[in-house]
Amino acid sequence: MKEFQYIKPESLSEALSLAERYGTGSTFLAGGTDLIVQMKQGIKFPSHVINLKGISELDGIYFTQEKGLFIGPLVTHNNLAKNPLILEKYAFLAEAAHTIGTYQIREQGTLGGNICNGSPAADTVPPLICLRAQLKLRSAEGERWLSIEEFFEGPQKTRLKPNEILTQIQIPTLPPHTGGVYLKLGMRRALEIAVVGVAALVTLDEKKNTCIGAKIALASVAPIPLRCQKVEKFLIGQKPEEKIFHQAAKLAQEEANPITDLRGTAEYRREMVSVLTTRALQQALKRSIESIA
């Protein structure tokens, strides 16, 4: 690991000023579970590491019925997984956070880091895509908002500028009769990176016999986390039953564009997209029906 200067600002404004000063030579540290590994492997070699931990403006979780859920980027995976508010209203986001690594990694790693690392295998991103999350990005010049779908450009490549900080994740209030699920296939139970991940969100009408809303997003099967818009359009207006879910899963399989690597072949990943999408839709349906009851 190359030498670098470590800086720990006390406020967001100070962090933004430091980023402006050091430019592309600097990087932000949130949890460090990805960054430190990348620095040791020579993938990243910043001259300045700016630690955001301890900046209260970037932490915390709160909810309003009008605008929905607000999450600070420094919220750890364990806090996300255990938060009563998220477990009540956005349970599958909490479940996705719980699938990340070991307890120690979840205790240190953050939601903001998981997003900004730009990995197509990030476990929290498919649920966030289904939830239509918006990202607030701040620099010394001002702020801008991006949908989480717009944020990714390629493997480990995002639209975050070197002088910008992700300062907030906003998730709209879910409509009634909605259920969500995140399913993940990994090679082993601990420290696993998803071979395939599938998030599904299903909204039913009050009579429970028609799908009036659907979101499907995949991890690890394309250069960026993938939203399956063809699947979503197909499901709208359909009766939520087994044969429809199998047809939807085949469409998801067609939209996926996986690669072969040490964790699995492209053919295996494509087949697992179909299997997991069917299961995710079945379980999301069950949760949406339970919300009606």
C-alpha atoms as a PDB file:
ATOM      1  CA  MET A   1       0.000   0.000   0.000  1.00  0.00           C
ATOM      2  CA  LYS A   2       1.375   3.395  -0.999  1.00  0.00           C
ATOM      3  CA  GLU A   3       1.716   6.194   1.522  1.00  0.00           C
ATOM      4  CA  PHE A   4      -1.176   8.599   1.868  1.00  0.00           C
ATOM      5  CA  GLN A   5      -2.269  11.465   4.079  1.00  0.00           C
ATOM      6  CA  TYR A   6      -5.171  10.667   6.426  1.00  0.00           C
ATOM      7  CA  ILE A   7      -7.591  13.492   7.283  1.00  0.00           C
ATOM      8  CA  LYS A   8     -10.643  13.391   9.546  1.00  0.00           C
ATOM      9  CA  PRO A   9     -12.866  16.449   9.065  1.00  0.00           C
ATOM     10  CA  GLU A  10     -15.359  17.423  11.752  1.00  0.00           C
ATOM     11  CA  SER A  11     -18.143  18.667   9.461  1.00  0.00           C
ATOM     12  CA  LEU A  12     -19.600  18.155   6.004  1.00  0.00           C
ATOM     13  CA  SER A  13     -18.524  21.618   4.891  1.00  0.00           C
ATOM     14  CA  GLU A  14     -14.934  20.867   5.915  1.00  0.00           C
ATOM     15  CA  ALA A  15     -15.017  17.541   4.049  1.00  0.00           C
ATOM     16  CA  LEU A  16     -16.315  19.244   0.910  1.00  0.00           C
ATOM     17  CA  SER A  17     -13.602  21.904   1.164  1.00  0.00           C
ATOM     18  CA  LEU A  18     -10.926  19.207   1.452  1.00  0.00           C
ATOM     19  CA  ALA A  19     -12.293  17.385  -1.575  1.00  0.00           C
ATOM     20  CA  GLU A  20     -12.200  20.623  -3.550  1.00  0.00           C
ATOM     21  CA  ARG A  21      -8.604  21.236  -2.467  1.00  0.00           C
ATOM     22  CA  TYR A  22      -7.179  17.778  -3.230  1.00  0.00           C
ATOM     23  CA  GLY A  23      -9.377  16.862  -6.215  1.00  0.00           C
ATOM     24  CA  THR A  24      -8.867  13.533  -7.948  1.00  0.00           C
ATOM     25  CA  GLY A  25      -5.969  12.658  -5.649  1.00  0.00           C
ATOM     26  CA  SER A  26      -8.342  12.263  -2.711  1.00  0.00           C
ATOM     27  CA  THR A  27     -10.938   9.670  -1.790  1.00  0.00           C
ATOM     28  CA  PHE A  28     -13.578   9.408   0.906  1.00  0.00           C
ATOM     29  CA  LEU A  29     -13.636   6.727   3.558  1.00  0.00           C
ATOM     30  CA  ALA A  30     -16.995   5.696   5.020  1.00  0.00           C
ATOM     31  CA  GLY A  31     -16.708   2.159   6.370  1.00  0.00           C
ATOM     32  CA  GLY A  32     -13.524   1.195   4.528  1.00  0.00           C
ATOM     33  CA  THR A  33     -14.510  -2.443   3.966  1.00  0.00           C
ATOM     34  CA  ASP A  34     -14.037  -2.045   0.199  1.00  0.00           C
ATOM     35  CA  LEU A  35     -11.600   0.868   0.030  1.00  0.00           C
ATOM     36  CA  ILE A  36      -8.889  -0.600   2.267  1.00  0.00           C
ATOM     37  CA  VAL A  37      -8.885  -3.864   0.307  1.00  0.00           C
ATOM     38  CA  GLN A  38      -8.645  -1.958  -2.979  1.00  0.00           C
ATOM     39  CA  MET A  39      -5.743   0.122  -1.653  1.00  0.00           C
ATOM     40  CA  LYS A  40      -3.889  -2.981  -0.479  1.00  0.00           C
ATOM     41  CA  GLN A  41      -4.386  -4.599  -3.876  1.00  0.00           C
ATOM     42  CA  GLY A  42      -3.143  -1.505  -5.719  1.00  0.00           C
ATOM     43  CA  ILE A  43      -6.504  -0.892  -7.391  1.00  0.00           C
ATOM     44  CA  LYS A  44      -6.762   2.515  -5.735  1.00  0.00           C
ATOM     45  CA  PHE A  45      -3.861   4.628  -4.496  1.00  0.00           C
ATOM     46  CA  PRO A  46      -5.120   8.005  -3.265  1.00  0.00           C
ATOM     47  CA  SER A  47      -2.749  10.658  -1.980  1.00  0.00           C
ATOM     48  CA  HIS A  48      -5.336  11.789   0.603  1.00  0.00           C
ATOM     49  CA  VAL A  49      -7.961   9.709   2.445  1.00  0.00           C
ATOM     50  CA  ILE A  50     -10.764  11.799   3.938  1.00  0.00           C
ATOM     51  CA  ASN A  51     -12.582   9.924   6.700  1.00  0.00           C
ATOM     52  CA  LEU A  52     -16.279  10.863   6.878  1.00  0.00           C
ATOM     53  CA  LYS A  53     -17.000   8.859  10.022  1.00  0.00           C
ATOM     54  CA  GLY A  54     -18.305  10.991  12.844  1.00  0.00           C
ATOM     55  CA  ILE A  55     -20.018  13.609  10.658  1.00  0.00           C
ATOM     56  CA  SER A  56     -23.499  13.574  12.169  1.00  0.00           C
ATOM     57  CA  GLU A  57     -25.098  15.157   9.086  1.00  0.00           C
ATOM     58  CA  LEU A  58     -24.331  11.962   7.165  1.00  0.00           C
ATOM     59  CA  ASP A  59     -25.861   9.538   9.648  1.00  0.00           C
ATOM     60  CA  GLY A  60     -29.330   8.675  10.876  1.00  0.00           C
ATOM     61  CA  ILE A  61     -32.671   7.313   9.670  1.00  0.00           C
ATOM     62  CA  TYR A  62     -36.046   9.031   9.733  1.00  0.00           C
ATOM     63  CA  PHE A  63     -39.440   8.747   8.023  1.00  0.00           C
ATOM     64  CA  THR A  64     -42.345  11.011   7.093  1.00  0.00           C
ATOM     65  CA  GLN A  65     -45.584   9.767   5.549  1.00  0.00           C
ATOM     66  CA  GLU A  66     -45.492  12.571   2.989  1.00  0.00           C
ATOM     67  CA  LYS A  67     -41.927  12.156   1.707  1.00  0.00           C
ATOM     68  CA  GLY A  68     -40.945   8.668   2.827  1.00  0.00           C
ATOM     69  CA  LEU A  69     -37.690   7.318   4.238  1.00  0.00           C
ATOM     70  CA  PHE A  70     -34.427   9.232   4.591  1.00  0.00           C
ATOM     71  CA  ILE A  71     -31.168   7.359   5.255  1.00  0.00           C
ATOM     72  CA  GLY A  72     -27.754   8.866   5.886  1.00  0.00           C
ATOM     73  CA  PRO A  73     -24.918   7.260   3.887  1.00  0.00           C
ATOM     74  CA  LEU A  74     -22.966   6.471   7.076  1.00  0.00           C
ATOM     75  CA  VAL A  75     -25.701   4.168   8.394  1.00  0.00           C
ATOM     76  CA  THR A  76     -24.046   0.762   8.795  1.00  0.00           C
ATOM     77  CA  HIS A  77     -25.444  -2.454   7.368  1.00  0.00           C
ATOM     78  CA  ASN A  78     -26.141  -3.765  10.864  1.00  0.00           C
ATOM     79  CA  ASN A  79     -28.071  -0.626  11.791  1.00  0.00           C
ATOM     80  CA  LEU A  80     -29.993  -0.876   8.539  1.00  0.00           C
ATOM     81  CA  ALA A  81     -30.770  -4.542   9.159  1.00  0.00           C
ATOM     82  CA  LYS A  82     -31.976  -3.980  12.733  1.00  0.00           C
ATOM     83  CA  ASN A  83     -33.787  -0.650  12.470  1.00  0.00           C
ATOM     84  CA  PRO A  84     -37.453  -1.119  13.559  1.00  0.00           C
ATOM     85  CA  LEU A  85     -38.743   1.482  11.104  1.00  0.00           C
ATOM     86  CA  ILE A  86     -37.089  -0.178   8.108  1.00  0.00           C
ATOM     87  CA  LEU A  87     -38.121  -3.652   9.285  1.00  0.00           C
ATOM     88  CA  GLU A  88     -41.717  -2.459   9.480  1.00  0.00           C
ATOM     89  CA  LYS A  89     -41.974  -0.502   6.215  1.00  0.00           C
ATOM     90  CA  TYR A  90     -39.105  -1.658   3.962  1.00  0.00           C
ATOM     91  CA  ALA A  91     -38.241  -5.105   5.305  1.00  0.00           C
ATOM     92  CA  PHE A  92     -36.501  -6.450   2.210  1.00  0.00           C
ATOM     93  CA  LEU A  93     -33.953  -3.612   2.307  1.00  0.00           C
ATOM     94  CA  ALA A  94     -33.096  -4.664   5.865  1.00  0.00           C
ATOM     95  CA  GLU A  95     -32.852  -8.287   4.701  1.00  0.00           C
ATOM     96  CA  ALA A  96     -30.507  -7.348   1.877  1.00  0.00           C
ATOM     97  CA  ALA A  97     -28.219  -5.509   4.308  1.00  0.00           C
ATOM     98  CA  HIS A  98     -28.179  -8.593   6.516  1.00  0.00           C
ATOM     99  CA  THR A  99     -26.799 -10.734   3.649  1.00  0.00           C
ATOM    100  CA  ILE A 100     -23.608  -8.668   3.392  1.00  0.00           C
ATOM    101  CA  GLY A 101     -20.453 -10.401   4.641  1.00  0.00           C
ATOM    102  CA  THR A 102     -19.940 -11.208   8.301  1.00  0.00           C
ATOM    103  CA  TYR A 103     -21.268  -9.425  11.383  1.00  0.00           C
ATOM    104  CA  GLN A 104     -17.962  -7.532  11.696  1.00  0.00           C
ATOM    105  CA  ILE A 105     -18.155  -6.297   8.096  1.00  0.00           C
ATOM    106  CA  ARG A 106     -21.787  -5.254   8.538  1.00  0.00           C
ATOM    107  CA  GLU A 107     -20.835  -3.402  11.722  1.00  0.00           C
ATOM    108  CA  GLN A 108     -18.244  -1.336   9.852  1.00  0.00           C
ATOM    109  CA  GLY A 109     -19.547  -1.150   6.277  1.00  0.00           C
ATOM    110  CA  THR A 110     -22.066   1.535   5.315  1.00  0.00           C
ATOM    111  CA  LEU A 111     -24.973   1.889   2.916  1.00  0.00           C
ATOM    112  CA  GLY A 112     -23.268   4.847   1.228  1.00  0.00           C
ATOM    113  CA  GLY A 113     -20.101   2.848   0.719  1.00  0.00           C
ATOM    114  CA  ASN A 114     -22.024  -0.076  -0.761  1.00  0.00           C
ATOM    115  CA  ILE A 115     -23.633   2.286  -3.278  1.00  0.00           C
ATOM    116  CA  CYS A 116     -20.588   4.415  -4.133  1.00  0.00           C
ATOM    117  CA  ASN A 117     -18.253   1.460  -4.635  1.00  0.00           C
ATOM    118  CA  GLY A 118     -20.124   0.926  -7.899  1.00  0.00           C
ATOM    119  CA  SER A 119     -20.144  -2.862  -7.752  1.00  0.00           C
ATOM    120  CA  PRO A 120     -22.720  -4.672  -9.922  1.00  0.00           C
ATOM    121  CA  ALA A 121     -22.912  -7.207  -7.058  1.00  0.00           C
ATOM    122  CA  ALA A 122     -23.871  -4.676  -4.336  1.00  0.00           C
ATOM    123  CA  ASP A 123     -26.630  -6.319  -2.296  1.00  0.00           C
ATOM    124  CA  THR A 124     -28.467  -3.187  -1.170  1.00  0.00           C
ATOM    125  CA  VAL A 125     -28.743  -1.696  -4.654  1.00  0.00           C
ATOM    126  CA  PRO A 126     -31.403  -3.969  -6.257  1.00  0.00           C
ATOM    127  CA  PRO A 127     -33.873  -3.268  -3.396  1.00  0.00           C
ATOM    128  CA  LEU A 128     -33.068   0.450  -3.654  1.00  0.00           C
ATOM    129  CA  ILE A 129     -33.773   0.351  -7.397  1.00  0.00           C
ATOM    130  CA  CYS A 130     -37.121  -1.330  -6.723  1.00  0.00           C
ATOM    131  CA  LEU A 131     -37.848   1.311  -4.092  1.00  0.00           C
ATOM    132  CA  ARG A 132     -37.086   4.157  -6.566  1.00  0.00           C
ATOM    133  CA  ALA A 133     -34.402   5.606  -4.314  1.00  0.00           C
ATOM    134  CA  GLN A 134     -33.072   9.094  -4.979  1.00  0.00           C
ATOM    135  CA  LEU A 135     -29.505  10.122  -4.108  1.00  0.00           C
ATOM    136  CA  LYS A 136     -28.513  13.590  -2.930  1.00  0.00           C
ATOM    137  CA  LEU A 137     -24.987  14.519  -4.042  1.00  0.00           C
ATOM    138  CA  ARG A 138     -23.194  17.541  -2.568  1.00  0.00           C
ATOM    139  CA  SER A 139     -20.102  19.464  -3.604  1.00  0.00           C
ATOM    140  CA  ALA A 140     -18.730  22.859  -2.654  1.00  0.00           C
ATOM    141  CA  GLU A 141     -20.680  24.317  -5.613  1.00  0.00           C
ATOM    142  CA  GLY A 142     -24.062  22.972  -4.531  1.00  0.00           C
ATOM    143  CA  GLU A 143     -26.195  19.851  -4.633  1.00  0.00           C
ATOM    144  CA  ARG A 144     -27.972  17.684  -7.188  1.00  0.00           C
ATOM    145  CA  TRP A 145     -30.246  14.656  -7.143  1.00  0.00           C
ATOM    146  CA  LEU A 146     -29.906  11.457  -9.165  1.00  0.00           C
ATOM    147  CA  SER A 147     -32.075   8.382  -9.216  1.00  0.00           C
ATOM    148  CA  ILE A 148     -30.107   5.336  -8.171  1.00  0.00           C
ATOM    149  CA  GLU A 149     -30.607   3.898 -11.661  1.00  0.00           C
ATOM    150  CA  GLU A 150     -28.824   6.889 -13.195  1.00  0.00           C
ATOM    151  CA  PHE A 151     -25.943   6.649 -10.737  1.00  0.00           C
ATOM    152  CA  PHE A 152     -24.118   3.625 -12.212  1.00  0.00           C
ATOM    153  CA  GLU A 153     -22.064   3.724 -15.408  1.00  0.00           C
ATOM    154  CA  GLY A 154     -20.065   0.475 -15.298  1.00  0.00           C
ATOM    155  CA  PRO A 155     -18.228  -1.881 -12.935  1.00  0.00           C
ATOM    156  CA  GLN A 156     -16.826   0.307 -10.118  1.00  0.00           C
ATOM    157  CA  LYS A 157     -17.772   3.363 -12.165  1.00  0.00           C
ATOM    158  CA  THR A 158     -20.426   5.873 -11.077  1.00  0.00           C
ATOM    159  CA  ARG A 159     -21.520   9.404 -11.882  1.00  0.00           C
ATOM    160  CA  LEU A 160     -20.219  10.666  -8.546  1.00  0.00           C
ATOM    161  CA  LYS A 161     -17.657  13.421  -9.189  1.00  0.00           C
ATOM    162  CA  PRO A 162     -14.335  13.439  -7.269  1.00  0.00           C
ATOM    163  CA  ASN A 163     -15.400  16.520  -5.268  1.00  0.00           C
ATOM    164  CA  GLU A 164     -18.890  15.196  -4.444  1.00  0.00           C
ATOM    165  CA  ILE A 165     -20.240  13.358  -1.415  1.00  0.00           C
ATOM    166  CA  LEU A 166     -23.374  11.242  -1.268  1.00  0.00           C
ATOM    167  CA  THR A 167     -25.203  12.922   1.600  1.00  0.00           C
ATOM    168  CA  GLN A 168     -28.657  11.300   1.648  1.00  0.00           C
ATOM    169  CA  ILE A 169     -30.723   8.435   0.273  1.00  0.00           C
ATOM    170  CA  GLN A 170     -34.451   9.161  -0.059  1.00  0.00           C
ATOM    171  CA  ILE A 171     -37.063   6.426  -0.604  1.00  0.00           C
ATOM    172  CA  PRO A 172     -40.713   7.273  -1.336  1.00  0.00           C
ATOM    173  CA  THR A 173     -43.548   5.909   0.774  1.00  0.00           C
ATOM    174  CA  LEU A 174     -44.731   2.570  -0.589  1.00  0.00           C
ATOM    175  CA  PRO A 175     -48.299   2.219  -1.870  1.00  0.00           C
ATOM    176  CA  PRO A 176     -50.695  -0.043   0.075  1.00  0.00           C
ATOM    177  CA  HIS A 177     -50.726  -3.803  -0.559  1.00  0.00           C
ATOM    178  CA  THR A 178     -47.044  -3.951  -1.488  1.00  0.00           C
ATOM    179  CA  GLY A 179     -44.553  -6.701  -0.655  1.00  0.00           C
ATOM    180  CA  GLY A 180     -40.842  -6.938  -1.410  1.00  0.00           C
ATOM    181  CA  VAL A 181     -38.150  -9.630  -1.288  1.00  0.00           C
ATOM    182  CA  TYR A 182     -34.404  -9.867  -1.933  1.00  0.00           C
ATOM    183  CA  LEU A 183     -32.922 -13.285  -2.693  1.00  0.00           C
ATOM    184  CA  LYS A 184     -29.216 -13.924  -3.064  1.00  0.00           C
ATOM    185  CA  LEU A 185     -27.243 -16.878  -4.358  1.00  0.00           C
ATOM    186  CA  GLY A 186     -23.640 -17.088  -3.129  1.00  0.00           C
ATOM    187  CA  MET A 187     -20.901 -19.680  -3.084  1.00  0.00           C
ATOM    188  CA  ARG A 188     -20.740 -19.839   0.715  1.00  0.00           C
ATOM    189  CA  ARG A 189     -22.627 -18.477   3.677  1.00  0.00           C
ATOM    190  CA  ALA A 190     -19.988 -16.055   5.014  1.00  0.00           C
ATOM    191  CA  LEU A 191     -18.065 -13.349   3.172  1.00  0.00           C
ATOM    192  CA  GLU A 192     -20.015 -14.167   0.016  1.00  0.00           C
ATOM    193  CA  ILE A 193     -20.387 -11.894  -2.985  1.00  0.00           C
ATOM    194  CA  ALA A 194     -23.606 -12.521  -4.863  1.00  0.00           C
ATOM    195  CA  VAL A 195     -23.379 -14.907  -7.808  1.00  0.00           C
ATOM    196  CA  VAL A 196     -26.905 -13.708  -8.557  1.00  0.00           C
ATOM    197  CA  GLY A 197     -29.165 -11.374  -6.576  1.00  0.00           C
ATOM    198  CA  VAL A 198     -32.839 -10.676  -7.293  1.00  0.00           C
ATOM    199  CA  ALA A 199     -35.073  -8.026  -5.725  1.00  0.00           C
ATOM    200  CA  ALA A 200     -38.809  -8.054  -6.410  1.00  0.00           C
ATOM    201  CA  LEU A 201     -41.541  -5.639  -5.370  1.00  0.00           C
ATOM    202  CA  VAL A 202     -45.211  -6.448  -6.069  1.00  0.00           C
ATOM    203  CA  THR A 203     -48.271  -4.256  -5.494  1.00  0.00           C
ATOM    204  CA  LEU A 204     -51.782  -5.761  -5.650  1.00  0.00           C
ATOM    205  CA  ASP A 205     -55.211  -4.241  -5.955  1.00  0.00           C
ATOM    206  CA  GLU A 206     -57.480  -4.488  -2.924  1.00  0.00           C
ATOM    207  CA  LYS A 207     -59.141  -7.663  -4.213  1.00  0.00           C
ATOM    208  CA  LYS A 208     -55.727  -9.415  -4.390  1.00  0.00           C
ATOM    209  CA  ASN A 209     -56.363 -10.621  -7.938  1.00  0.00           C
ATOM    210  CA  THR A 210     -54.408  -8.159 -10.088  1.00  0.00           C
ATOM    211  CA  CYS A 211     -50.839  -6.904 -10.071  1.00  0.00           C
ATOM    212  CA  ILE A 212     -51.007  -3.109 -10.366  1.00  0.00           C
ATOM    213  CA  GLY A 213     -47.322  -2.424  -9.710  1.00  0.00           C
ATOM    214  CA  ALA A 214     -44.063  -4.356 -10.070  1.00  0.00           C
ATOM    215  CA  LYS A 215     -40.340  -3.731  -9.821  1.00  0.00           C
ATOM    216  CA  ILE A 216     -37.561  -6.256 -10.535  1.00  0.00           C
ATOM    217  CA  ALA A 217     -33.815  -5.577 -10.165  1.00  0.00           C
ATOM    218  CA  LEU A 218     -30.834  -7.907 -10.464  1.00  0.00           C
ATOM    219  CA  ALA A 219     -27.286  -8.015  -9.078  1.00  0.00           C
ATOM    220  CA  SER A 220     -24.186  -9.678 -10.563  1.00  0.00           C
ATOM    221  CA  VAL A 221     -25.642 -10.369 -14.009  1.00  0.00           C
ATOM    222  CA  ALA A 222     -24.731  -7.196 -15.925  1.00  0.00           C
ATOM    223  CA  PRO A 223     -22.021  -4.481 -15.864  1.00  0.00           C
ATOM    224  CA  ILE A 224     -24.271  -2.448 -13.542  1.00  0.00           C
ATOM    225  CA  PRO A 225     -27.163  -3.363 -11.221  1.00  0.00           C
ATOM    226  CA  LEU A 226     -29.986  -4.101 -13.653  1.00  0.00           C
ATOM    227  CA  ARG A 227     -33.630  -3.052 -13.598  1.00  0.00           C
ATOM    228  CA  CYS A 228     -35.827  -5.406 -15.669  1.00  0.00           C
ATOM    229  CA  GLN A 229     -38.326  -3.035 -17.246  1.00  0.00           C
ATOM    230  CA  LYS A 230     -39.702  -5.593 -19.713  1.00  0.00           C
ATOM    231  CA  VAL A 231     -40.603  -7.856 -16.794  1.00  0.00           C
ATOM    232  CA  GLU A 232     -42.291  -5.003 -14.949  1.00  0.00           C
ATOM    233  CA  LYS A 233     -44.416  -4.036 -17.962  1.00  0.00           C
ATOM    234  CA  PHE A 234     -45.410  -7.666 -18.483  1.00  0.00           C
ATOM    235  CA  LEU A 235     -46.594  -8.084 -14.883  1.00  0.00           C
ATOM    236  CA  ILE A 236     -48.822  -4.990 -14.771  1.00  0.00           C
ATOM    237  CA  GLY A 237     -52.470  -6.014 -15.086  1.00  0.00           C
ATOM    238  CA  GLN A 238     -51.709  -9.728 -14.776  1.00  0.00           C
ATOM    239  CA  LYS A 239     -53.276 -12.151 -12.359  1.00  0.00           C
ATOM    240  CA  PRO A 240     -50.527 -13.047  -9.845  1.00  0.00           C
ATOM    241  CA  GLU A 241     -50.221 -16.773 -10.394  1.00  0.00           C
ATOM    242  CA  GLU A 242     -47.531 -19.391 -10.922  1.00  0.00           C
ATOM    243  CA  LYS A 243     -47.524 -19.509 -14.728  1.00  0.00           C
ATOM    244  CA  ILE A 244     -47.303 -15.709 -14.969  1.00  0.00           C
ATOM    245  CA  PHE A 245     -44.338 -15.646 -12.603  1.00  0.00           C
ATOM    246  CA  HIS A 246     -42.540 -18.307 -14.660  1.00  0.00           C
ATOM    247  CA  GLN A 247     -43.088 -16.252 -17.815  1.00  0.00           C
ATOM    248  CA  ALA A 248     -41.793 -13.154 -16.034  1.00  0.00           C
ATOM    249  CA  ALA A 249     -38.727 -15.078 -14.873  1.00  0.00           C
ATOM    250  CA  LYS A 250     -37.942 -16.082 -18.463  1.00  0.00           C
ATOM    251  CA  LEU A 251     -38.110 -12.431 -19.496  1.00  0.00           C
ATOM    252  CA  ALA A 252     -35.691 -11.536 -16.685  1.00  0.00           C
ATOM    253  CA  GLN A 253     -33.391 -14.272 -17.932  1.00  0.00           C
ATOM    254  CA  GLU A 254     -33.415 -12.665 -21.376  1.00  0.00           C
ATOM    255  CA  GLU A 255     -32.625  -9.212 -19.984  1.00  0.00           C
ATOM    256  CA  ALA A 256     -29.656 -10.460 -17.949  1.00  0.00           C
ATOM    257  CA  ASN A 257     -26.189 -10.173 -19.473  1.00  0.00           C
ATOM    258  CA  PRO A 258     -23.910 -12.130 -17.111  1.00  0.00           C
ATOM    259  CA  ILE A 259     -20.239 -13.022 -17.472  1.00  0.00           C
ATOM    260  CA  THR A 260     -18.274 -16.120 -16.561  1.00  0.00           C
ATOM    261  CA  ASP A 261     -15.842 -15.735 -13.654  1.00  0.00           C
ATOM    262  CA  LEU A 262     -14.532 -17.703 -10.683  1.00  0.00           C
ATOM    263  CA  ARG A 263     -17.918 -17.565  -8.965  1.00  0.00           C
ATOM    264  CA  GLY A 264     -19.971 -19.004 -11.806  1.00  0.00           C
ATOM    265  CA  THR A 265     -20.488 -19.349 -15.537  1.00  0.00           C
ATOM    266  CA  ALA A 266     -22.702 -17.050 -17.559  1.00  0.00           C
ATOM    267  CA  GLU A 267     -24.991 -19.978 -18.335  1.00  0.00           C
ATOM    268  CA  TYR A 268     -25.373 -20.887 -14.660  1.00  0.00           C
ATOM    269  CA  ARG A 269     -26.067 -17.281 -13.683  1.00  0.00           C
ATOM    270  CA  ARG A 270     -28.686 -16.927 -16.413  1.00  0.00           C
ATOM    271  CA  GLU A 271     -30.462 -20.073 -15.218  1.00  0.00           C
ATOM    272  CA  MET A 272     -30.374 -18.882 -11.610  1.00  0.00           C
ATOM    273  CA  VAL A 273     -31.916 -15.555 -12.638  1.00  0.00           C
ATOM    274  CA  SER A 274     -34.983 -17.497 -13.764  1.00  0.00           C
ATOM    275  CA  VAL A 275     -35.107 -19.631 -10.609  1.00  0.00           C
ATOM    276  CA  LEU A 276     -34.618 -16.755  -8.163  1.00  0.00           C
ATOM    277  CA  THR A 277     -36.971 -14.379  -9.983  1.00  0.00           C
ATOM    278  CA  THR A 278     -39.774 -16.941  -9.754  1.00  0.00           C
ATOM    279  CA  ARG A 279     -39.117 -17.447  -6.043  1.00  0.00           C
ATOM    280  CA  ALA A 280     -38.803 -13.738  -5.356  1.00  0.00           C
ATOM    281  CA  LEU A 281     -42.117 -12.972  -7.054  1.00  0.00           C
ATOM    282  CA  GLN A 282     -43.834 -15.773  -5.134  1.00  0.00           C
ATOM    283  CA  GLN A 283     -42.551 -14.475  -1.820  1.00  0.00           C
ATOM    284  CA  ALA A 284     -43.253 -10.826  -2.672  1.00  0.00           C
ATOM    285  CA  LEU A 285     -46.807 -11.823  -3.587  1.00  0.00           C
ATOM    286  CA  LYS A 286     -47.236 -13.552  -0.243  1.00  0.00           C
ATOM    287  CA  ARG A 287     -46.084 -10.433   1.604  1.00  0.00           C
ATOM    288  CA  SER A 288     -48.366  -8.164  -0.400  1.00  0.00           C
ATOM    289  CA  ILE A 289     -51.342 -10.417   0.401  1.00  0.00           C
ATOM    290  CA  GLU A 290     -50.399 -10.441   4.090  1.00  0.00           C
ATOM    291  CA  SER A 291     -50.339  -6.629   4.057  1.00  0.00           C
ATOM    292  CA  ILE A 292     -53.933  -6.614   2.790  1.00  0.00           C
ATOM    293  CA  ALA A 293     -55.080  -9.058   5.457  1.00  0.00           C
END
